[in-house]
Amino acid sequence: MVGKSYLEIMRVRGLCYFSHPADFTPVCTGEFVAFAKRYEDFKKLGVELIGLSIDSTFSHIKWIEWIKDKFGVVVPFPIIANPQGYVARRLGMLHVESATHTVRAVFIVDDKGVIRTILYYPLNVGRLIDERLRVVKALQLSDKLRRVIPANWPNNELIGEAVIVPPASTIFEAKERLRKFKCFD
């Protein structure tokens, strides 16, 4: 692993663990630059970024140097080198058509080590980093308030940035809910 120690990483509130097909490729390079530029936004949420591919440690080191030299961007998060593919295979990150490329997968993991979100992308489509941040914020808000998050939050077409109170499970709760909250159901 290039970068921080495992113990330093695990002291955070969560992880955004993502794989990429290969170092030095155009889409992967663009994604790493985008993740690096949004790194502080993840850190403010208590989330550490960790990359992974089946490239070697040497390849990761040279690629990170190359990104800094070519684009002036420092990649501040660790990248796991997994040349034999053990981790990638165990997490379903190997591309079905290639034993030498990991898919574009993203795992959002909470502070208890529970995988809360898994997203997969095809090799030819890069990720939207803002959506990764939105998912982290939505999960944290949902956990804190014990509410559910609507589609397109915080810009939901019906209720804007509001969140949803989960359905009542008793008649008393249903009546109480109407008294306490603005409800559409």
N, C-alpha and C. Protein backbone atom coordinates (compact mmCIF):
# COMPACT_ATOMS: atom_id res chain seq x y z
N MET A 1 0.84 -1.16 0.00
CA MET A 1 0.00 0.00 0.00
C MET A 1 0.89 1.24 0.00
N VAL A 2 0.56 2.18 -0.84
CA VAL A 2 1.29 3.44 -0.90
C VAL A 2 0.55 4.43 -0.01
N GLY A 3 1.23 5.08 0.93
CA GLY A 3 0.57 6.10 1.73
C GLY A 3 0.46 5.74 3.19
N LYS A 4 -0.72 5.98 3.76
CA LYS A 4 -0.96 5.85 5.19
C LYS A 4 -1.01 4.39 5.65
N SER A 5 -0.80 4.21 6.97
CA SER A 5 -0.90 2.87 7.55
C SER A 5 -2.36 2.49 7.73
N TYR A 6 -2.61 1.21 7.82
CA TYR A 6 -3.95 0.68 8.03
C TYR A 6 -4.58 1.27 9.29
N LEU A 7 -3.82 1.39 10.37
CA LEU A 7 -4.37 1.92 11.62
C LEU A 7 -4.78 3.37 11.48
N GLU A 8 -4.01 4.17 10.76
CA GLU A 8 -4.38 5.56 10.55
C GLU A 8 -5.70 5.64 9.78
N ILE A 9 -5.86 4.79 8.80
CA ILE A 9 -7.07 4.80 7.98
C ILE A 9 -8.29 4.39 8.81
N MET A 10 -8.15 3.39 9.65
CA MET A 10 -9.29 2.87 10.39
C MET A 10 -9.77 3.79 11.51
N ARG A 11 -9.08 4.87 11.78
CA ARG A 11 -9.54 5.83 12.80
C ARG A 11 -10.55 6.83 12.24
N VAL A 12 -11.01 6.64 11.05
CA VAL A 12 -11.96 7.55 10.42
C VAL A 12 -13.38 7.00 10.57
N ARG A 13 -14.37 7.78 10.16
CA ARG A 13 -15.77 7.39 10.27
C ARG A 13 -16.21 6.47 9.14
N GLY A 14 -15.39 6.33 8.13
CA GLY A 14 -15.76 5.47 7.02
C GLY A 14 -14.71 5.46 5.93
N LEU A 15 -14.94 4.61 4.95
CA LEU A 15 -14.03 4.47 3.82
C LEU A 15 -14.81 4.57 2.52
N CYS A 16 -14.18 5.15 1.52
CA CYS A 16 -14.64 5.06 0.15
C CYS A 16 -13.54 4.28 -0.56
N TYR A 17 -13.80 3.01 -0.75
CA TYR A 17 -12.81 2.07 -1.27
C TYR A 17 -13.15 1.83 -2.73
N PHE A 18 -12.24 2.12 -3.63
CA PHE A 18 -12.58 2.03 -5.04
C PHE A 18 -11.46 1.37 -5.84
N SER A 19 -11.85 0.66 -6.87
CA SER A 19 -10.88 0.00 -7.74
C SER A 19 -10.88 0.68 -9.10
N HIS A 20 -9.77 0.50 -9.79
CA HIS A 20 -9.65 1.03 -11.13
C HIS A 20 -8.99 -0.02 -12.02
N PRO A 21 -9.28 -0.03 -13.33
CA PRO A 21 -8.74 -1.06 -14.21
C PRO A 21 -7.22 -1.08 -14.33
N ALA A 22 -6.59 0.07 -14.48
CA ALA A 22 -5.13 0.05 -14.68
C ALA A 22 -4.54 1.44 -14.52
N ASP A 23 -3.33 1.49 -13.97
CA ASP A 23 -2.59 2.74 -13.88
C ASP A 23 -2.25 3.25 -15.28
N PHE A 24 -2.03 4.53 -15.39
CA PHE A 24 -1.58 5.19 -16.63
C PHE A 24 -2.62 5.15 -17.76
N THR A 25 -3.88 4.87 -17.47
CA THR A 25 -4.91 4.89 -18.50
C THR A 25 -5.70 6.20 -18.37
N PRO A 26 -6.27 6.69 -19.47
CA PRO A 26 -6.90 8.02 -19.45
C PRO A 26 -8.06 8.17 -18.46
N VAL A 27 -9.01 7.24 -18.45
CA VAL A 27 -10.16 7.38 -17.57
C VAL A 27 -9.73 7.25 -16.11
N CYS A 28 -8.87 6.28 -15.82
CA CYS A 28 -8.40 6.08 -14.44
C CYS A 28 -7.62 7.29 -13.95
N THR A 29 -6.79 7.84 -14.79
CA THR A 29 -6.02 9.03 -14.41
C THR A 29 -6.97 10.18 -14.09
N GLY A 30 -7.97 10.38 -14.94
CA GLY A 30 -8.96 11.44 -14.69
C GLY A 30 -9.71 11.22 -13.39
N GLU A 31 -10.04 9.98 -13.11
CA GLU A 31 -10.73 9.68 -11.85
C GLU A 31 -9.85 9.97 -10.65
N PHE A 32 -8.58 9.56 -10.72
CA PHE A 32 -7.68 9.80 -9.60
C PHE A 32 -7.45 11.28 -9.37
N VAL A 33 -7.35 12.04 -10.42
CA VAL A 33 -7.22 13.50 -10.29
C VAL A 33 -8.49 14.05 -9.64
N ALA A 34 -9.66 13.60 -10.08
CA ALA A 34 -10.93 14.07 -9.53
C ALA A 34 -11.06 13.69 -8.05
N PHE A 35 -10.73 12.44 -7.70
CA PHE A 35 -10.78 12.03 -6.30
C PHE A 35 -9.80 12.86 -5.47
N ALA A 36 -8.60 13.09 -6.00
CA ALA A 36 -7.59 13.86 -5.26
C ALA A 36 -8.08 15.29 -5.01
N LYS A 37 -8.71 15.88 -6.01
CA LYS A 37 -9.20 17.26 -5.86
C LYS A 37 -10.36 17.35 -4.87
N ARG A 38 -11.08 16.27 -4.64
CA ARG A 38 -12.21 16.26 -3.70
C ARG A 38 -11.84 15.59 -2.37
N TYR A 39 -10.58 15.24 -2.21
CA TYR A 39 -10.11 14.52 -1.02
C TYR A 39 -10.51 15.23 0.27
N GLU A 40 -10.31 16.54 0.34
CA GLU A 40 -10.63 17.29 1.56
C GLU A 40 -12.13 17.25 1.86
N ASP A 41 -12.98 17.18 0.84
CA ASP A 41 -14.42 17.05 1.06
C ASP A 41 -14.75 15.72 1.74
N PHE A 42 -14.08 14.66 1.31
CA PHE A 42 -14.27 13.36 1.96
C PHE A 42 -13.75 13.41 3.40
N LYS A 43 -12.58 14.02 3.60
CA LYS A 43 -11.99 14.11 4.94
C LYS A 43 -12.91 14.87 5.90
N LYS A 44 -13.55 15.94 5.43
CA LYS A 44 -14.48 16.70 6.28
C LYS A 44 -15.63 15.83 6.76
N LEU A 45 -15.98 14.82 5.98
CA LEU A 45 -17.04 13.89 6.36
C LEU A 45 -16.50 12.72 7.18
N GLY A 46 -15.18 12.72 7.42
CA GLY A 46 -14.57 11.64 8.19
C GLY A 46 -14.35 10.38 7.38
N VAL A 47 -14.27 10.51 6.07
CA VAL A 47 -14.15 9.36 5.18
C VAL A 47 -12.78 9.37 4.50
N GLU A 48 -12.11 8.24 4.55
CA GLU A 48 -10.81 8.08 3.90
C GLU A 48 -11.02 7.41 2.54
N LEU A 49 -10.27 7.85 1.56
CA LEU A 49 -10.27 7.22 0.24
C LEU A 49 -9.17 6.18 0.18
N ILE A 50 -9.45 5.06 -0.49
CA ILE A 50 -8.44 4.03 -0.74
C ILE A 50 -8.68 3.49 -2.14
N GLY A 51 -7.65 3.53 -2.97
CA GLY A 51 -7.73 2.96 -4.31
C GLY A 51 -7.16 1.56 -4.35
N LEU A 52 -7.48 0.81 -5.39
CA LEU A 52 -6.96 -0.54 -5.57
C LEU A 52 -6.95 -0.89 -7.05
N SER A 53 -5.89 -1.55 -7.47
CA SER A 53 -5.88 -2.22 -8.77
C SER A 53 -4.91 -3.38 -8.66
N ILE A 54 -4.87 -4.19 -9.69
CA ILE A 54 -3.95 -5.32 -9.64
C ILE A 54 -2.58 -4.95 -10.21
N ASP A 55 -2.36 -3.65 -10.38
CA ASP A 55 -1.02 -3.18 -10.74
C ASP A 55 -0.10 -3.31 -9.53
N SER A 56 1.20 -3.24 -9.78
CA SER A 56 2.20 -3.40 -8.72
C SER A 56 2.40 -2.11 -7.93
N THR A 57 3.05 -2.23 -6.80
CA THR A 57 3.41 -1.06 -5.99
C THR A 57 4.27 -0.11 -6.81
N PHE A 58 5.25 -0.65 -7.54
CA PHE A 58 6.13 0.18 -8.37
C PHE A 58 5.30 0.97 -9.39
N SER A 59 4.35 0.31 -10.04
CA SER A 59 3.51 0.98 -11.01
C SER A 59 2.72 2.11 -10.35
N HIS A 60 2.14 1.85 -9.17
CA HIS A 60 1.39 2.89 -8.45
C HIS A 60 2.28 4.08 -8.12
N ILE A 61 3.47 3.81 -7.62
CA ILE A 61 4.40 4.90 -7.26
C ILE A 61 4.73 5.75 -8.49
N LYS A 62 5.08 5.11 -9.59
CA LYS A 62 5.43 5.86 -10.81
C LYS A 62 4.23 6.62 -11.35
N TRP A 63 3.04 6.03 -11.29
CA TRP A 63 1.83 6.67 -11.80
C TRP A 63 1.50 7.92 -10.97
N ILE A 64 1.60 7.81 -9.65
CA ILE A 64 1.33 8.95 -8.78
C ILE A 64 2.35 10.06 -9.04
N GLU A 65 3.62 9.69 -9.26
CA GLU A 65 4.64 10.69 -9.63
C GLU A 65 4.30 11.33 -10.97
N TRP A 66 3.87 10.50 -11.92
CA TRP A 66 3.52 10.97 -13.26
C TRP A 66 2.34 11.94 -13.20
N ILE A 67 1.31 11.62 -12.39
CA ILE A 67 0.16 12.51 -12.24
C ILE A 67 0.61 13.86 -11.68
N LYS A 68 1.48 13.83 -10.69
CA LYS A 68 1.98 15.09 -10.10
C LYS A 68 2.77 15.89 -11.14
N ASP A 69 3.64 15.20 -11.89
CA ASP A 69 4.46 15.88 -12.90
C ASP A 69 3.62 16.43 -14.04
N LYS A 70 2.68 15.64 -14.56
CA LYS A 70 1.89 16.04 -15.73
C LYS A 70 0.77 17.01 -15.42
N PHE A 71 0.12 16.83 -14.25
CA PHE A 71 -1.09 17.59 -13.95
C PHE A 71 -0.98 18.47 -12.71
N GLY A 72 0.15 18.38 -11.98
CA GLY A 72 0.33 19.19 -10.79
C GLY A 72 -0.59 18.81 -9.65
N VAL A 73 -1.08 17.58 -9.65
CA VAL A 73 -2.01 17.12 -8.62
C VAL A 73 -1.33 16.05 -7.78
N VAL A 74 -1.37 16.24 -6.46
CA VAL A 74 -0.83 15.25 -5.53
C VAL A 74 -1.98 14.33 -5.13
N VAL A 75 -1.78 13.04 -5.29
CA VAL A 75 -2.78 12.05 -4.86
C VAL A 75 -2.48 11.75 -3.39
N PRO A 76 -3.36 12.20 -2.47
CA PRO A 76 -3.06 12.11 -1.04
C PRO A 76 -3.56 10.84 -0.34
N PHE A 77 -4.15 9.94 -1.07
CA PHE A 77 -4.72 8.74 -0.45
C PHE A 77 -3.95 7.50 -0.89
N PRO A 78 -4.03 6.42 -0.10
CA PRO A 78 -3.28 5.21 -0.43
C PRO A 78 -3.91 4.43 -1.59
N ILE A 79 -3.06 3.66 -2.26
CA ILE A 79 -3.50 2.76 -3.32
C ILE A 79 -2.96 1.38 -3.01
N ILE A 80 -3.85 0.41 -2.97
CA ILE A 80 -3.45 -0.96 -2.69
C ILE A 80 -2.97 -1.61 -3.99
N ALA A 81 -1.79 -2.18 -3.93
CA ALA A 81 -1.27 -2.97 -5.06
C ALA A 81 -1.70 -4.41 -4.82
N ASN A 82 -2.33 -5.01 -5.82
CA ASN A 82 -2.86 -6.35 -5.67
C ASN A 82 -2.55 -7.17 -6.93
N PRO A 83 -1.23 -7.35 -7.24
CA PRO A 83 -0.84 -8.00 -8.49
C PRO A 83 -1.40 -9.42 -8.68
N GLN A 84 -1.56 -10.18 -7.61
CA GLN A 84 -2.11 -11.54 -7.75
C GLN A 84 -3.64 -11.52 -7.75
N GLY A 85 -4.22 -10.38 -7.46
CA GLY A 85 -5.68 -10.24 -7.53
C GLY A 85 -6.45 -10.84 -6.37
N TYR A 86 -5.79 -11.18 -5.26
CA TYR A 86 -6.48 -11.84 -4.15
C TYR A 86 -7.62 -10.97 -3.60
N VAL A 87 -7.32 -9.73 -3.26
CA VAL A 87 -8.34 -8.85 -2.70
C VAL A 87 -9.42 -8.57 -3.74
N ALA A 88 -9.00 -8.25 -4.95
CA ALA A 88 -9.95 -7.95 -6.02
C ALA A 88 -10.87 -9.13 -6.29
N ARG A 89 -10.34 -10.33 -6.28
CA ARG A 89 -11.16 -11.53 -6.52
C ARG A 89 -12.16 -11.72 -5.39
N ARG A 90 -11.72 -11.57 -4.15
CA ARG A 90 -12.60 -11.77 -2.98
C ARG A 90 -13.74 -10.76 -2.93
N LEU A 91 -13.51 -9.56 -3.43
CA LEU A 91 -14.54 -8.52 -3.40
C LEU A 91 -15.30 -8.39 -4.71
N GLY A 92 -15.07 -9.29 -5.65
CA GLY A 92 -15.78 -9.24 -6.93
C GLY A 92 -15.37 -8.07 -7.79
N MET A 93 -14.10 -7.67 -7.70
CA MET A 93 -13.62 -6.50 -8.44
C MET A 93 -12.92 -6.85 -9.74
N LEU A 94 -12.74 -8.11 -10.05
CA LEU A 94 -12.09 -8.47 -11.32
C LEU A 94 -13.10 -8.43 -12.45
N HIS A 95 -12.69 -7.86 -13.56
CA HIS A 95 -13.56 -7.77 -14.72
C HIS A 95 -13.78 -9.17 -15.29
N VAL A 96 -15.02 -9.47 -15.66
CA VAL A 96 -15.34 -10.82 -16.14
C VAL A 96 -14.61 -11.19 -17.42
N GLU A 97 -14.26 -10.19 -18.22
CA GLU A 97 -13.59 -10.45 -19.49
C GLU A 97 -12.07 -10.36 -19.40
N SER A 98 -11.54 -10.03 -18.21
CA SER A 98 -10.10 -9.86 -18.10
C SER A 98 -9.62 -10.17 -16.69
N ALA A 99 -8.71 -11.11 -16.58
CA ALA A 99 -8.12 -11.43 -15.27
C ALA A 99 -7.04 -10.42 -14.91
N THR A 100 -6.77 -9.47 -15.80
CA THR A 100 -5.72 -8.49 -15.54
C THR A 100 -6.25 -7.08 -15.29
N HIS A 101 -7.56 -6.92 -15.24
CA HIS A 101 -8.14 -5.61 -14.97
C HIS A 101 -9.22 -5.71 -13.89
N THR A 102 -9.18 -4.78 -12.96
CA THR A 102 -10.27 -4.68 -12.00
C THR A 102 -11.36 -3.81 -12.61
N VAL A 103 -12.59 -4.04 -12.19
CA VAL A 103 -13.70 -3.21 -12.64
C VAL A 103 -13.62 -1.86 -11.92
N ARG A 104 -14.47 -0.93 -12.32
CA ARG A 104 -14.60 0.33 -11.59
C ARG A 104 -15.66 0.10 -10.52
N ALA A 105 -15.22 -0.33 -9.37
CA ALA A 105 -16.13 -0.57 -8.25
C ALA A 105 -15.89 0.45 -7.16
N VAL A 106 -16.95 0.76 -6.42
CA VAL A 106 -16.85 1.65 -5.27
C VAL A 106 -17.59 0.98 -4.11
N PHE A 107 -16.92 0.90 -2.98
CA PHE A 107 -17.52 0.39 -1.75
C PHE A 107 -17.50 1.52 -0.73
N ILE A 108 -18.66 1.89 -0.22
CA ILE A 108 -18.73 2.85 0.88
C ILE A 108 -18.88 2.00 2.14
N VAL A 109 -17.92 2.15 3.06
CA VAL A 109 -17.85 1.32 4.26
C VAL A 109 -17.97 2.24 5.47
N ASP A 110 -18.83 1.87 6.44
CA ASP A 110 -18.98 2.72 7.62
C ASP A 110 -17.91 2.41 8.66
N ASP A 111 -17.95 3.13 9.77
CA ASP A 111 -16.92 3.01 10.80
C ASP A 111 -16.96 1.67 11.54
N LYS A 112 -18.00 0.88 11.32
CA LYS A 112 -18.07 -0.45 11.93
C LYS A 112 -17.58 -1.52 10.97
N GLY A 113 -17.12 -1.10 9.80
CA GLY A 113 -16.63 -2.05 8.80
C GLY A 113 -17.73 -2.66 7.95
N VAL A 114 -18.93 -2.09 7.99
CA VAL A 114 -20.06 -2.62 7.23
C VAL A 114 -20.11 -1.92 5.87
N ILE A 115 -20.16 -2.73 4.81
CA ILE A 115 -20.30 -2.17 3.46
C ILE A 115 -21.73 -1.68 3.32
N ARG A 116 -21.88 -0.38 3.08
CA ARG A 116 -23.21 0.22 3.00
C ARG A 116 -23.67 0.45 1.57
N THR A 117 -22.73 0.61 0.66
CA THR A 117 -23.08 0.87 -0.73
C THR A 117 -22.03 0.21 -1.62
N ILE A 118 -22.49 -0.42 -2.70
CA ILE A 118 -21.59 -0.98 -3.72
C ILE A 118 -22.07 -0.46 -5.07
N LEU A 119 -21.15 0.11 -5.82
CA LEU A 119 -21.46 0.61 -7.16
C LEU A 119 -20.45 0.06 -8.14
N TYR A 120 -20.92 -0.42 -9.28
CA TYR A 120 -20.03 -0.93 -10.33
C TYR A 120 -20.26 -0.13 -11.61
N TYR A 121 -19.16 0.11 -12.31
CA TYR A 121 -19.20 0.84 -13.58
C TYR A 121 -18.49 0.02 -14.63
N PRO A 122 -18.88 0.20 -15.89
CA PRO A 122 -18.13 -0.47 -16.96
C PRO A 122 -16.74 0.16 -17.12
N LEU A 123 -15.85 -0.55 -17.77
CA LEU A 123 -14.49 -0.05 -17.97
C LEU A 123 -14.45 1.29 -18.69
N ASN A 124 -15.41 1.53 -19.58
CA ASN A 124 -15.35 2.70 -20.44
C ASN A 124 -16.12 3.92 -19.91
N VAL A 125 -16.60 3.88 -18.65
CA VAL A 125 -17.34 5.02 -18.10
C VAL A 125 -16.73 5.42 -16.75
N GLY A 126 -16.29 6.66 -16.66
CA GLY A 126 -15.73 7.16 -15.41
C GLY A 126 -16.81 7.50 -14.39
N ARG A 127 -16.39 7.59 -13.15
CA ARG A 127 -17.32 7.85 -12.05
C ARG A 127 -17.55 9.34 -11.83
N LEU A 128 -18.69 9.67 -11.24
CA LEU A 128 -19.02 11.03 -10.84
C LEU A 128 -18.70 11.14 -9.35
N ILE A 129 -17.64 11.85 -9.02
CA ILE A 129 -17.16 11.93 -7.65
C ILE A 129 -18.17 12.61 -6.74
N ASP A 130 -18.89 13.61 -7.25
CA ASP A 130 -19.92 14.28 -6.44
C ASP A 130 -20.98 13.29 -5.97
N GLU A 131 -21.28 12.28 -6.76
CA GLU A 131 -22.27 11.28 -6.33
C GLU A 131 -21.73 10.44 -5.18
N ARG A 132 -20.43 10.14 -5.20
CA ARG A 132 -19.85 9.41 -4.06
C ARG A 132 -20.00 10.24 -2.78
N LEU A 133 -19.73 11.54 -2.86
CA LEU A 133 -19.89 12.43 -1.71
C LEU A 133 -21.35 12.51 -1.27
N ARG A 134 -22.26 12.60 -2.22
CA ARG A 134 -23.68 12.67 -1.90
C ARG A 134 -24.13 11.41 -1.16
N VAL A 135 -23.67 10.25 -1.60
CA VAL A 135 -24.03 8.99 -0.94
C VAL A 135 -23.51 8.97 0.49
N VAL A 136 -22.27 9.39 0.70
CA VAL A 136 -21.71 9.42 2.05
C VAL A 136 -22.53 10.36 2.94
N LYS A 137 -22.83 11.57 2.44
CA LYS A 137 -23.62 12.52 3.22
C LYS A 137 -25.01 11.96 3.53
N ALA A 138 -25.64 11.33 2.55
CA ALA A 138 -26.98 10.77 2.73
C ALA A 138 -26.96 9.66 3.77
N LEU A 139 -25.97 8.77 3.71
CA LEU A 139 -25.87 7.70 4.70
C LEU A 139 -25.66 8.26 6.10
N GLN A 140 -24.77 9.24 6.23
CA GLN A 140 -24.51 9.83 7.54
C GLN A 140 -25.75 10.54 8.09
N LEU A 141 -26.46 11.27 7.24
CA LEU A 141 -27.67 11.96 7.68
C LEU A 141 -28.76 10.96 8.05
N SER A 142 -28.94 9.95 7.26
CA SER A 142 -29.93 8.92 7.54
C SER A 142 -29.65 8.23 8.88
N ASP A 143 -28.39 7.91 9.13
CA ASP A 143 -28.01 7.28 10.41
C ASP A 143 -28.26 8.22 11.59
N LYS A 144 -27.91 9.48 11.41
CA LYS A 144 -28.02 10.46 12.51
C LYS A 144 -29.49 10.74 12.86
N LEU A 145 -30.31 10.96 11.84
CA LEU A 145 -31.70 11.36 12.08
C LEU A 145 -32.69 10.19 12.08
N ARG A 146 -32.22 9.02 11.69
CA ARG A 146 -33.09 7.85 11.54
C ARG A 146 -34.23 8.16 10.54
N ARG A 147 -33.81 8.71 9.42
CA ARG A 147 -34.74 9.06 8.34
C ARG A 147 -34.24 8.42 7.06
N VAL A 148 -35.09 8.43 6.03
CA VAL A 148 -34.68 7.93 4.73
C VAL A 148 -34.50 9.11 3.78
N ILE A 149 -33.68 8.90 2.79
CA ILE A 149 -33.28 9.98 1.90
C ILE A 149 -33.96 9.79 0.54
N PRO A 150 -34.65 10.82 0.03
CA PRO A 150 -35.36 10.68 -1.23
C PRO A 150 -34.43 10.73 -2.45
N ALA A 151 -34.97 10.39 -3.59
CA ALA A 151 -34.25 10.45 -4.86
C ALA A 151 -33.75 11.87 -5.11
N ASN A 152 -32.59 11.99 -5.70
CA ASN A 152 -31.99 13.26 -6.09
C ASN A 152 -31.75 14.22 -4.92
N TRP A 153 -31.77 13.70 -3.70
CA TRP A 153 -31.49 14.53 -2.52
C TRP A 153 -30.10 15.12 -2.65
N PRO A 154 -29.90 16.35 -2.34
CA PRO A 154 -30.75 17.32 -1.66
C PRO A 154 -31.59 18.18 -2.59
N ASN A 155 -31.77 17.76 -3.81
CA ASN A 155 -32.56 18.53 -4.78
C ASN A 155 -33.76 17.72 -5.26
N ASN A 156 -34.46 17.09 -4.32
CA ASN A 156 -35.60 16.27 -4.68
C ASN A 156 -36.70 17.13 -5.30
N GLU A 157 -37.34 16.61 -6.34
CA GLU A 157 -38.35 17.35 -7.08
C GLU A 157 -39.60 17.64 -6.26
N LEU A 158 -39.87 16.84 -5.22
CA LEU A 158 -41.08 17.03 -4.42
C LEU A 158 -40.84 17.74 -3.09
N ILE A 159 -39.73 17.40 -2.42
CA ILE A 159 -39.53 17.92 -1.07
C ILE A 159 -38.19 18.62 -0.87
N GLY A 160 -37.49 18.89 -1.97
CA GLY A 160 -36.23 19.63 -1.87
C GLY A 160 -35.18 18.89 -1.06
N GLU A 161 -34.62 19.56 -0.04
CA GLU A 161 -33.57 18.95 0.78
C GLU A 161 -34.11 18.25 2.02
N ALA A 162 -35.44 18.21 2.16
CA ALA A 162 -36.04 17.52 3.30
C ALA A 162 -35.78 16.01 3.21
N VAL A 163 -35.93 15.35 4.34
CA VAL A 163 -35.79 13.89 4.39
C VAL A 163 -37.14 13.28 4.74
N ILE A 164 -37.23 11.98 4.70
CA ILE A 164 -38.50 11.28 4.86
C ILE A 164 -38.53 10.52 6.17
N VAL A 165 -39.64 10.67 6.89
CA VAL A 165 -39.85 9.89 8.11
C VAL A 165 -40.28 8.49 7.67
N PRO A 166 -39.64 7.43 8.17
CA PRO A 166 -40.03 6.08 7.76
C PRO A 166 -41.50 5.81 8.09
N PRO A 167 -42.13 4.90 7.35
CA PRO A 167 -43.56 4.60 7.57
C PRO A 167 -43.84 4.15 9.00
N ALA A 168 -45.04 4.49 9.46
CA ALA A 168 -45.48 4.06 10.79
C ALA A 168 -45.75 2.56 10.78
N SER A 169 -45.57 1.95 11.95
CA SER A 169 -45.83 0.51 12.04
C SER A 169 -47.05 0.20 12.92
N THR A 170 -47.65 1.23 13.52
CA THR A 170 -48.88 1.05 14.31
C THR A 170 -49.84 2.18 13.99
N ILE A 171 -51.11 1.99 14.35
CA ILE A 171 -52.12 3.04 14.14
C ILE A 171 -51.77 4.26 14.97
N PHE A 172 -51.33 4.04 16.20
CA PHE A 172 -50.95 5.16 17.07
C PHE A 172 -49.81 5.96 16.43
N GLU A 173 -48.80 5.28 15.95
CA GLU A 173 -47.67 5.97 15.29
C GLU A 173 -48.14 6.75 14.08
N ALA A 174 -49.07 6.19 13.32
CA ALA A 174 -49.56 6.86 12.11
C ALA A 174 -50.26 8.18 12.49
N LYS A 175 -51.09 8.14 13.52
CA LYS A 175 -51.78 9.36 13.95
C LYS A 175 -50.79 10.37 14.53
N GLU A 176 -49.87 9.88 15.34
CA GLU A 176 -48.85 10.74 15.96
C GLU A 176 -47.97 11.38 14.89
N ARG A 177 -47.67 10.63 13.91
CA ARG A 177 -46.82 11.09 12.81
C ARG A 177 -47.46 12.27 12.08
N LEU A 178 -48.75 12.17 11.81
CA LEU A 178 -49.47 13.26 11.13
C LEU A 178 -49.49 14.53 11.98
N ARG A 179 -49.48 14.36 13.29
CA ARG A 179 -49.50 15.50 14.20
C ARG A 179 -48.11 16.17 14.28
N LYS A 180 -47.06 15.36 14.21
CA LYS A 180 -45.69 15.85 14.41
C LYS A 180 -44.99 16.30 13.14
N PHE A 181 -45.35 15.71 12.01
CA PHE A 181 -44.60 15.96 10.77
C PHE A 181 -45.52 16.36 9.63
N LYS A 182 -44.97 17.06 8.65
CA LYS A 182 -45.66 17.32 7.42
C LYS A 182 -45.54 16.04 6.59
N CYS A 183 -46.66 15.40 6.32
CA CYS A 183 -46.64 14.09 5.64
C CYS A 183 -47.50 14.14 4.38
N PHE A 184 -47.10 13.37 3.40
CA PHE A 184 -47.88 13.23 2.17
C PHE A 184 -48.58 11.88 2.10
N ASP A 185 -48.33 11.02 3.08
CA ASP A 185 -48.94 9.68 3.06
C ASP A 185 -49.89 9.49 4.21
